[in-house]
Amino acid sequence: MSPPLRCLLFLDFLTVLSSSPCSILVTNSPSDPQSHPWYRWKGDCLYLALRVSPRASQTAFTEVRESVLGIRIKASPVDGKVNRALTRFLANSFGTPKHQITLIRGETGRTKLVSIDQPTTLPESLGIQRSSG
């Protein structure tokens, strides 16, 4: 059994390969004052650590807890419906086409790591700041 995603995000370096243009994620050092455990920027790509709760009454962001962003998804966890609903929700929330959302880790679990290539909108309620570098 692998360690929880929240543990992996605190490592000095976490490298994740994906097939999207956002190919490599290297987390900030924990001593970095602008370090946010549940999201990271790598160039124009935003990486999010998520905890998804299926079968919710509505699809919505919840709160950051244990270094992951909570998201309630209305869909049932059957035949990839939750992942498709999550992709649609993130695409709408971040103003980007669905093909620019990549599920990197957590296809069948509740804890997921996703990348969003060139998000045009940052939901105010999340308090995400664009990286300066």
C-alpha atoms as a PDB file:
ATOM      1  CA  MET A   1       0.000   0.000   0.000  1.00  0.00           C
ATOM      2  CA  SER A   2       1.400   3.386  -0.975  1.00  0.00           C
ATOM      3  CA  PRO A   3       1.533   6.302   1.491  1.00  0.00           C
ATOM      4  CA  PRO A   4      -1.330   8.826   1.429  1.00  0.00           C
ATOM      5  CA  LEU A   5      -1.016  11.620  -1.126  1.00  0.00           C
ATOM      6  CA  ARG A   6      -0.804  14.232   1.626  1.00  0.00           C
ATOM      7  CA  CYS A   7       2.415  12.581   2.826  1.00  0.00           C
ATOM      8  CA  LEU A   8       3.878  12.569  -0.664  1.00  0.00           C
ATOM      9  CA  LEU A   9       3.163  16.276  -1.119  1.00  0.00           C
ATOM     10  CA  PHE A  10       5.389  17.171   1.818  1.00  0.00           C
ATOM     11  CA  LEU A  11       8.464  15.561   0.272  1.00  0.00           C
ATOM     12  CA  ASP A  12      11.100  17.995  -0.950  1.00  0.00           C
ATOM     13  CA  PHE A  13      10.713  16.626  -4.465  1.00  0.00           C
ATOM     14  CA  LEU A  14       7.731  14.846  -5.982  1.00  0.00           C
ATOM     15  CA  THR A  15       8.109  14.147  -9.663  1.00  0.00           C
ATOM     16  CA  VAL A  16       5.056  12.989 -11.542  1.00  0.00           C
ATOM     17  CA  LEU A  17       5.065  12.200 -15.245  1.00  0.00           C
ATOM     18  CA  SER A  18       1.923  12.627 -17.271  1.00  0.00           C
ATOM     19  CA  SER A  19       0.970  12.675 -20.912  1.00  0.00           C
ATOM     20  CA  SER A  20      -0.224  16.287 -20.795  1.00  0.00           C
ATOM     21  CA  PRO A  21       1.902  19.303 -21.784  1.00  0.00           C
ATOM     22  CA  CYS A  22       2.321  19.777 -18.029  1.00  0.00           C
ATOM     23  CA  SER A  23       4.731  16.894 -17.822  1.00  0.00           C
ATOM     24  CA  ILE A  24       6.717  17.239 -14.616  1.00  0.00           C
ATOM     25  CA  LEU A  25       5.726  18.411 -11.159  1.00  0.00           C
ATOM     26  CA  VAL A  26       8.374  19.310  -8.623  1.00  0.00           C
ATOM     27  CA  THR A  27       6.941  20.553  -5.349  1.00  0.00           C
ATOM     28  CA  ASN A  28       8.248  23.537  -3.465  1.00  0.00           C
ATOM     29  CA  SER A  29      10.496  22.943  -0.511  1.00  0.00           C
ATOM     30  CA  PRO A  30       8.566  22.923   2.802  1.00  0.00           C
ATOM     31  CA  SER A  31      10.691  25.918   3.861  1.00  0.00           C
ATOM     32  CA  ASP A  32       9.364  27.941   0.918  1.00  0.00           C
ATOM     33  CA  PRO A  33       7.025  30.622   2.350  1.00  0.00           C
ATOM     34  CA  GLN A  34       4.787  30.431  -0.729  1.00  0.00           C
ATOM     35  CA  SER A  35       4.391  26.664  -0.444  1.00  0.00           C
ATOM     36  CA  HIS A  36       0.782  25.435  -0.501  1.00  0.00           C
ATOM     37  CA  PRO A  37       0.455  21.707   0.211  1.00  0.00           C
ATOM     38  CA  TRP A  38      -2.698  21.163  -1.864  1.00  0.00           C
ATOM     39  CA  TYR A  39      -1.724  23.045  -5.023  1.00  0.00           C
ATOM     40  CA  ARG A  40       1.450  23.716  -7.002  1.00  0.00           C
ATOM     41  CA  TRP A  41       2.345  25.642 -10.129  1.00  0.00           C
ATOM     42  CA  LYS A  42       4.833  24.331 -12.685  1.00  0.00           C
ATOM     43  CA  GLY A  43       5.031  26.946 -15.421  1.00  0.00           C
ATOM     44  CA  ASP A  44       1.473  27.492 -16.694  1.00  0.00           C
ATOM     45  CA  CYS A  45       0.261  24.221 -15.227  1.00  0.00           C
ATOM     46  CA  LEU A  46      -1.645  24.015 -11.937  1.00  0.00           C
ATOM     47  CA  TYR A  47      -1.550  20.767  -9.943  1.00  0.00           C
ATOM     48  CA  LEU A  48      -4.246  20.052  -7.354  1.00  0.00           C
ATOM     49  CA  ALA A  49      -4.382  17.420  -4.607  1.00  0.00           C
ATOM     50  CA  LEU A  50      -8.057  16.497  -4.197  1.00  0.00           C
ATOM     51  CA  ARG A  51     -10.276  14.396  -1.953  1.00  0.00           C
ATOM     52  CA  VAL A  52     -13.446  13.538  -3.882  1.00  0.00           C
ATOM     53  CA  SER A  53     -16.728  12.602  -2.202  1.00  0.00           C
ATOM     54  CA  PRO A  54     -19.146  10.948  -4.670  1.00  0.00           C
ATOM     55  CA  ARG A  55     -22.952  10.744  -4.469  1.00  0.00           C
ATOM     56  CA  ALA A  56     -23.295  14.283  -3.113  1.00  0.00           C
ATOM     57  CA  SER A  57     -26.481  16.323  -3.398  1.00  0.00           C
ATOM     58  CA  GLN A  58     -24.586  18.838  -5.565  1.00  0.00           C
ATOM     59  CA  THR A  59     -21.145  19.222  -7.114  1.00  0.00           C
ATOM     60  CA  ALA A  60     -19.056  21.827  -5.289  1.00  0.00           C
ATOM     61  CA  PHE A  61     -15.733  22.637  -3.664  1.00  0.00           C
ATOM     62  CA  THR A  62     -15.715  22.057   0.101  1.00  0.00           C
ATOM     63  CA  GLU A  63     -12.678  22.889   2.254  1.00  0.00           C
ATOM     64  CA  VAL A  64      -8.966  22.238   2.459  1.00  0.00           C
ATOM     65  CA  ARG A  65      -8.362  19.498   4.989  1.00  0.00           C
ATOM     66  CA  GLU A  66      -5.225  17.466   5.657  1.00  0.00           C
ATOM     67  CA  SER A  67      -3.454  19.145   2.717  1.00  0.00           C
ATOM     68  CA  VAL A  68      -6.063  18.237   0.095  1.00  0.00           C
ATOM     69  CA  LEU A  69      -8.949  20.220  -1.397  1.00  0.00           C
ATOM     70  CA  GLY A  70     -12.326  18.589  -0.868  1.00  0.00           C
ATOM     71  CA  ILE A  71     -14.776  18.337  -3.742  1.00  0.00           C
ATOM     72  CA  ARG A  72     -18.279  16.893  -3.581  1.00  0.00           C
ATOM     73  CA  ILE A  73     -19.372  15.229  -6.826  1.00  0.00           C
ATOM     74  CA  LYS A  74     -23.003  14.386  -7.545  1.00  0.00           C
ATOM     75  CA  ALA A  75     -22.151  11.362  -9.727  1.00  0.00           C
ATOM     76  CA  SER A  76     -21.925   7.763  -8.502  1.00  0.00           C
ATOM     77  CA  PRO A  77     -18.532   6.014  -8.511  1.00  0.00           C
ATOM     78  CA  VAL A  78     -19.491   3.609 -11.301  1.00  0.00           C
ATOM     79  CA  ASP A  79     -17.745   3.155 -14.660  1.00  0.00           C
ATOM     80  CA  GLY A  80     -15.646   6.324 -14.307  1.00  0.00           C
ATOM     81  CA  LYS A  81     -18.655   8.640 -13.904  1.00  0.00           C
ATOM     82  CA  VAL A  82     -17.065  10.484 -10.975  1.00  0.00           C
ATOM     83  CA  ASN A  83     -13.850  11.153 -12.911  1.00  0.00           C
ATOM     84  CA  ARG A  84     -15.791  12.456 -15.917  1.00  0.00           C
ATOM     85  CA  ALA A  85     -17.955  14.671 -13.678  1.00  0.00           C
ATOM     86  CA  LEU A  86     -14.830  15.902 -11.873  1.00  0.00           C
ATOM     87  CA  THR A  87     -13.176  16.778 -15.193  1.00  0.00           C
ATOM     88  CA  ARG A  88     -16.277  18.710 -16.335  1.00  0.00           C
ATOM     89  CA  PHE A  89     -16.513  20.547 -12.999  1.00  0.00           C
ATOM     90  CA  LEU A  90     -12.827  21.513 -12.985  1.00  0.00           C
ATOM     91  CA  ALA A  91     -12.951  22.608 -16.645  1.00  0.00           C
ATOM     92  CA  ASN A  92     -15.941  24.872 -15.904  1.00  0.00           C
ATOM     93  CA  SER A  93     -14.459  26.188 -12.654  1.00  0.00           C
ATOM     94  CA  PHE A  94     -11.038  27.000 -14.127  1.00  0.00           C
ATOM     95  CA  GLY A  95     -12.205  28.178 -17.570  1.00  0.00           C
ATOM     96  CA  THR A  96     -10.323  25.576 -19.560  1.00  0.00           C
ATOM     97  CA  PRO A  97     -11.272  22.869 -22.074  1.00  0.00           C
ATOM     98  CA  LYS A  98     -11.744  19.358 -20.663  1.00  0.00           C
ATOM     99  CA  HIS A  99      -8.778  18.020 -22.646  1.00  0.00           C
ATOM    100  CA  GLN A 100      -6.475  20.281 -20.601  1.00  0.00           C
ATOM    101  CA  ILE A 101      -7.441  18.497 -17.351  1.00  0.00           C
ATOM    102  CA  THR A 102      -5.332  15.396 -16.643  1.00  0.00           C
ATOM    103  CA  LEU A 103      -5.972  12.878 -13.891  1.00  0.00           C
ATOM    104  CA  ILE A 104      -2.440  11.923 -12.888  1.00  0.00           C
ATOM    105  CA  ARG A 105      -3.108   9.734  -9.901  1.00  0.00           C
ATOM    106  CA  GLY A 106      -6.169   8.256  -8.176  1.00  0.00           C
ATOM    107  CA  GLU A 107      -8.300   6.926 -11.013  1.00  0.00           C
ATOM    108  CA  THR A 108     -10.172   4.538  -8.710  1.00  0.00           C
ATOM    109  CA  GLY A 109      -9.622   6.188  -5.323  1.00  0.00           C
ATOM    110  CA  ARG A 110     -11.017   9.237  -3.582  1.00  0.00           C
ATOM    111  CA  THR A 111      -7.641  10.968  -3.279  1.00  0.00           C
ATOM    112  CA  LYS A 112      -6.583  12.320  -6.666  1.00  0.00           C
ATOM    113  CA  LEU A 113      -3.827  14.401  -8.212  1.00  0.00           C
ATOM    114  CA  VAL A 114      -4.865  16.412 -11.275  1.00  0.00           C
ATOM    115  CA  SER A 115      -3.149  18.893 -13.550  1.00  0.00           C
ATOM    116  CA  ILE A 116      -4.865  21.827 -15.229  1.00  0.00           C
ATOM    117  CA  ASP A 117      -2.955  23.208 -18.200  1.00  0.00           C
ATOM    118  CA  GLN A 118      -3.230  27.002 -18.553  1.00  0.00           C
ATOM    119  CA  PRO A 119      -6.291  27.710 -16.392  1.00  0.00           C
ATOM    120  CA  THR A 120      -7.850  31.027 -17.431  1.00  0.00           C
ATOM    121  CA  THR A 121      -9.945  31.472 -14.277  1.00  0.00           C
ATOM    122  CA  LEU A 122      -9.005  30.887 -10.643  1.00  0.00           C
ATOM    123  CA  PRO A 123     -12.062  30.470  -8.392  1.00  0.00           C
ATOM    124  CA  GLU A 124     -11.871  33.264  -5.792  1.00  0.00           C
ATOM    125  CA  SER A 125     -13.198  31.031  -3.033  1.00  0.00           C
ATOM    126  CA  LEU A 126     -10.105  28.799  -3.304  1.00  0.00           C
ATOM    127  CA  GLY A 127      -7.557  31.573  -2.800  1.00  0.00           C
ATOM    128  CA  ILE A 128      -5.156  30.175  -5.402  1.00  0.00           C
ATOM    129  CA  GLN A 129      -2.371  32.589  -6.335  1.00  0.00           C
ATOM    130  CA  ARG A 130      -0.559  32.391  -9.656  1.00  0.00           C
ATOM    131  CA  SER A 131       3.090  31.539  -9.327  1.00  0.00           C
ATOM    132  CA  SER A 132       5.509  34.357  -9.971  1.00  0.00           C
ATOM    133  CA  GLY A 133       8.015  32.122 -11.714  1.00  0.00           C
END
